[in-house]
Amino acid sequence: MAIFKKKTGEAKAPIIKSGEVNAVAAPVAETKAEKTVLGLSRRPLLERPWISEKALIAGTRSQYVFSVRPEATKPAVRDEVQRRYGVHVMAVRMVRFTGKQRYFRGKMSHKMVQKKAIVTLRAGEKIEIQ
């Protein structure tokens, strides 16, 4: 014998009949233009430039390093860099850092997973990073 009833399905949107004034319209689905590159998250794909000594040296060879979301893909990063900075991307390489295990107050947890993208531009093109 169950005490609580299981919830089945979601609430259905009311049907709008012609001539009704106080009817509530069903939610409108997003268009493809409103969705992000990966379709799920509203956070930007490129989080920030990756600042290190090695990344600054790579900048002299038309290579720029960015911290990206862990679910980012090479084509998505290529499209985002071309759209945001107006440059031509020749190659994208990805490096993924797994989260290390840490103990905090006797419980095991994990550090965040990081991912960086190394973007190679066409010869002679530059990105101004502030």
C-alpha atoms as a PDB file:
ATOM      1  CA  MET A   1       0.000   0.000   0.000  1.00  0.00           C
ATOM      2  CA  ALA A   2       1.498   3.297  -1.090  1.00  0.00           C
ATOM      3  CA  ILE A   3       1.146   6.420   1.012  1.00  0.00           C
ATOM      4  CA  PHE A   4       2.175   8.882  -1.676  1.00  0.00           C
ATOM      5  CA  LYS A   5       1.021   8.972  -5.271  1.00  0.00           C
ATOM      6  CA  LYS A   6       3.620   9.016  -7.988  1.00  0.00           C
ATOM      7  CA  LYS A   7       3.625  12.041 -10.253  1.00  0.00           C
ATOM      8  CA  THR A   8       3.047  11.050 -13.841  1.00  0.00           C
ATOM      9  CA  GLY A   9       3.923  13.420 -16.663  1.00  0.00           C
ATOM     10  CA  GLU A  10       4.024  17.180 -16.621  1.00  0.00           C
ATOM     11  CA  ALA A  11       1.174  19.647 -16.461  1.00  0.00           C
ATOM     12  CA  LYS A  12      -0.414  20.090 -19.871  1.00  0.00           C
ATOM     13  CA  ALA A  13      -0.801  23.532 -21.406  1.00  0.00           C
ATOM     14  CA  PRO A  14      -4.435  24.639 -21.743  1.00  0.00           C
ATOM     15  CA  ILE A  15      -6.070  24.449 -25.148  1.00  0.00           C
ATOM     16  CA  ILE A  16      -6.886  27.854 -26.594  1.00  0.00           C
ATOM     17  CA  LYS A  17     -10.229  28.107 -28.298  1.00  0.00           C
ATOM     18  CA  SER A  18     -10.976  30.884 -30.715  1.00  0.00           C
ATOM     19  CA  GLY A  19     -12.839  33.729 -29.053  1.00  0.00           C
ATOM     20  CA  GLU A  20     -11.403  33.177 -25.536  1.00  0.00           C
ATOM     21  CA  VAL A  21      -9.904  36.334 -24.103  1.00  0.00           C
ATOM     22  CA  ASN A  22      -8.335  35.154 -20.825  1.00  0.00           C
ATOM     23  CA  ALA A  23      -6.673  32.009 -22.210  1.00  0.00           C
ATOM     24  CA  VAL A  24      -3.048  31.317 -21.316  1.00  0.00           C
ATOM     25  CA  ALA A  25      -0.808  30.488 -24.277  1.00  0.00           C
ATOM     26  CA  ALA A  26       1.467  27.463 -24.209  1.00  0.00           C
ATOM     27  CA  PRO A  27       5.214  28.164 -23.799  1.00  0.00           C
ATOM     28  CA  VAL A  28       6.994  28.806 -27.084  1.00  0.00           C
ATOM     29  CA  ALA A  29       9.923  26.540 -27.934  1.00  0.00           C
ATOM     30  CA  GLU A  30      13.317  28.141 -28.541  1.00  0.00           C
ATOM     31  CA  THR A  31      14.496  28.608 -32.093  1.00  0.00           C
ATOM     32  CA  LYS A  32      17.895  27.385 -33.267  1.00  0.00           C
ATOM     33  CA  ALA A  33      19.212  30.959 -33.274  1.00  0.00           C
ATOM     34  CA  GLU A  34      18.399  31.356 -29.565  1.00  0.00           C
ATOM     35  CA  LYS A  35      20.221  28.181 -28.517  1.00  0.00           C
ATOM     36  CA  THR A  36      23.924  28.166 -27.685  1.00  0.00           C
ATOM     37  CA  VAL A  37      26.577  26.205 -29.558  1.00  0.00           C
ATOM     38  CA  LEU A  38      26.079  23.097 -27.430  1.00  0.00           C
ATOM     39  CA  GLY A  39      22.361  23.679 -26.923  1.00  0.00           C
ATOM     40  CA  LEU A  40      22.148  23.130 -23.181  1.00  0.00           C
ATOM     41  CA  SER A  41      23.986  25.814 -21.274  1.00  0.00           C
ATOM     42  CA  ARG A  42      23.847  29.607 -21.422  1.00  0.00           C
ATOM     43  CA  ARG A  43      27.436  29.997 -20.193  1.00  0.00           C
ATOM     44  CA  PRO A  44      29.956  31.162 -22.802  1.00  0.00           C
ATOM     45  CA  LEU A  45      31.939  28.422 -24.512  1.00  0.00           C
ATOM     46  CA  LEU A  46      35.269  30.246 -24.093  1.00  0.00           C
ATOM     47  CA  GLU A  47      35.610  30.947 -20.386  1.00  0.00           C
ATOM     48  CA  ARG A  48      38.806  33.028 -20.355  1.00  0.00           C
ATOM     49  CA  PRO A  49      42.271  33.231 -21.900  1.00  0.00           C
ATOM     50  CA  TRP A  50      44.744  30.772 -20.387  1.00  0.00           C
ATOM     51  CA  ILE A  51      47.557  32.956 -19.032  1.00  0.00           C
ATOM     52  CA  SER A  52      50.884  31.226 -18.498  1.00  0.00           C
ATOM     53  CA  GLU A  53      54.464  31.665 -19.627  1.00  0.00           C
ATOM     54  CA  LYS A  54      54.130  28.870 -22.156  1.00  0.00           C
ATOM     55  CA  ALA A  55      50.882  30.345 -23.544  1.00  0.00           C
ATOM     56  CA  LEU A  56      52.510  33.761 -23.992  1.00  0.00           C
ATOM     57  CA  ILE A  57      55.401  32.201 -25.929  1.00  0.00           C
ATOM     58  CA  ALA A  58      52.892  30.327 -28.130  1.00  0.00           C
ATOM     59  CA  GLY A  59      51.258  33.684 -28.939  1.00  0.00           C
ATOM     60  CA  THR A  60      54.321  34.626 -30.991  1.00  0.00           C
ATOM     61  CA  ARG A  61      53.543  31.642 -33.291  1.00  0.00           C
ATOM     62  CA  SER A  62      49.888  32.696 -33.857  1.00  0.00           C
ATOM     63  CA  GLN A  63      48.684  30.186 -31.253  1.00  0.00           C
ATOM     64  CA  TYR A  64      46.303  31.267 -28.495  1.00  0.00           C
ATOM     65  CA  VAL A  65      45.222  29.255 -25.469  1.00  0.00           C
ATOM     66  CA  PHE A  66      41.740  29.497 -23.924  1.00  0.00           C
ATOM     67  CA  SER A  67      40.083  27.841 -20.951  1.00  0.00           C
ATOM     68  CA  VAL A  68      36.884  26.235 -22.266  1.00  0.00           C
ATOM     69  CA  ARG A  69      33.951  24.346 -20.796  1.00  0.00           C
ATOM     70  CA  PRO A  70      34.608  20.611 -20.230  1.00  0.00           C
ATOM     71  CA  GLU A  71      31.915  19.578 -22.757  1.00  0.00           C
ATOM     72  CA  ALA A  72      33.323  21.797 -25.546  1.00  0.00           C
ATOM     73  CA  THR A  73      34.310  20.210 -28.871  1.00  0.00           C
ATOM     74  CA  LYS A  74      36.872  21.245 -31.486  1.00  0.00           C
ATOM     75  CA  PRO A  75      34.305  22.400 -34.100  1.00  0.00           C
ATOM     76  CA  ALA A  76      32.397  24.381 -31.472  1.00  0.00           C
ATOM     77  CA  VAL A  77      35.582  26.138 -30.288  1.00  0.00           C
ATOM     78  CA  ARG A  78      36.594  26.852 -33.903  1.00  0.00           C
ATOM     79  CA  ASP A  79      33.222  28.456 -34.671  1.00  0.00           C
ATOM     80  CA  GLU A  80      33.180  30.482 -31.444  1.00  0.00           C
ATOM     81  CA  VAL A  81      36.689  31.926 -31.955  1.00  0.00           C
ATOM     82  CA  GLN A  82      35.930  32.815 -35.583  1.00  0.00           C
ATOM     83  CA  ARG A  83      32.639  34.467 -34.603  1.00  0.00           C
ATOM     84  CA  ARG A  84      33.941  36.341 -31.558  1.00  0.00           C
ATOM     85  CA  TYR A  85      37.302  37.594 -32.891  1.00  0.00           C
ATOM     86  CA  GLY A  86      36.759  37.626 -36.667  1.00  0.00           C
ATOM     87  CA  VAL A  87      39.844  35.530 -37.511  1.00  0.00           C
ATOM     88  CA  HIS A  88      40.463  32.354 -39.520  1.00  0.00           C
ATOM     89  CA  VAL A  89      41.251  29.294 -37.386  1.00  0.00           C
ATOM     90  CA  MET A  90      43.577  26.749 -38.970  1.00  0.00           C
ATOM     91  CA  ALA A  91      43.688  24.128 -36.168  1.00  0.00           C
ATOM     92  CA  VAL A  92      42.351  23.450 -32.666  1.00  0.00           C
ATOM     93  CA  ARG A  93      43.985  21.148 -30.119  1.00  0.00           C
ATOM     94  CA  MET A  94      42.298  20.214 -26.839  1.00  0.00           C
ATOM     95  CA  VAL A  95      43.845  19.253 -23.490  1.00  0.00           C
ATOM     96  CA  ARG A  96      41.703  17.867 -20.664  1.00  0.00           C
ATOM     97  CA  PHE A  97      42.753  17.895 -17.009  1.00  0.00           C
ATOM     98  CA  THR A  98      40.898  15.420 -14.817  1.00  0.00           C
ATOM     99  CA  GLY A  99      39.855  16.540 -11.356  1.00  0.00           C
ATOM    100  CA  LYS A 100      42.133  15.328  -8.580  1.00  0.00           C
ATOM    101  CA  GLN A 101      40.755  13.641  -5.470  1.00  0.00           C
ATOM    102  CA  ARG A 102      40.853  15.743  -2.317  1.00  0.00           C
ATOM    103  CA  TYR A 103      39.798  15.089   1.257  1.00  0.00           C
ATOM    104  CA  PHE A 104      37.848  17.805   3.055  1.00  0.00           C
ATOM    105  CA  ARG A 105      36.658  17.244   6.635  1.00  0.00           C
ATOM    106  CA  GLY A 106      37.086  13.502   6.281  1.00  0.00           C
ATOM    107  CA  LYS A 107      35.085  13.213   3.059  1.00  0.00           C
ATOM    108  CA  MET A 108      36.502  12.605  -0.386  1.00  0.00           C
ATOM    109  CA  SER A 109      35.662  15.098  -3.127  1.00  0.00           C
ATOM    110  CA  HIS A 110      36.987  16.004  -6.560  1.00  0.00           C
ATOM    111  CA  LYS A 111      38.410  19.192  -7.975  1.00  0.00           C
ATOM    112  CA  MET A 112      36.753  20.620 -11.065  1.00  0.00           C
ATOM    113  CA  VAL A 113      37.632  19.143 -14.448  1.00  0.00           C
ATOM    114  CA  GLN A 114      39.437  21.698 -16.613  1.00  0.00           C
ATOM    115  CA  LYS A 115      39.847  21.826 -20.357  1.00  0.00           C
ATOM    116  CA  LYS A 116      41.918  24.141 -22.505  1.00  0.00           C
ATOM    117  CA  ALA A 117      41.942  24.725 -26.241  1.00  0.00           C
ATOM    118  CA  ILE A 118      45.044  25.680 -28.210  1.00  0.00           C
ATOM    119  CA  VAL A 119      43.886  27.594 -31.290  1.00  0.00           C
ATOM    120  CA  THR A 120      46.216  28.133 -34.267  1.00  0.00           C
ATOM    121  CA  LEU A 121      45.367  31.100 -36.518  1.00  0.00           C
ATOM    122  CA  ARG A 122      46.239  31.830 -40.127  1.00  0.00           C
ATOM    123  CA  ALA A 123      49.712  33.378 -40.503  1.00  0.00           C
ATOM    124  CA  GLY A 124      49.702  37.121 -39.861  1.00  0.00           C
ATOM    125  CA  GLU A 125      46.439  37.226 -37.875  1.00  0.00           C
ATOM    126  CA  LYS A 126      46.341  38.277 -34.221  1.00  0.00           C
ATOM    127  CA  ILE A 127      43.850  38.381 -31.363  1.00  0.00           C
ATOM    128  CA  GLU A 128      43.925  41.317 -28.945  1.00  0.00           C
ATOM    129  CA  ILE A 129      43.375  39.862 -25.458  1.00  0.00           C
ATOM    130  CA  GLN A 130      42.885  42.294 -22.601  1.00  0.00           C
END
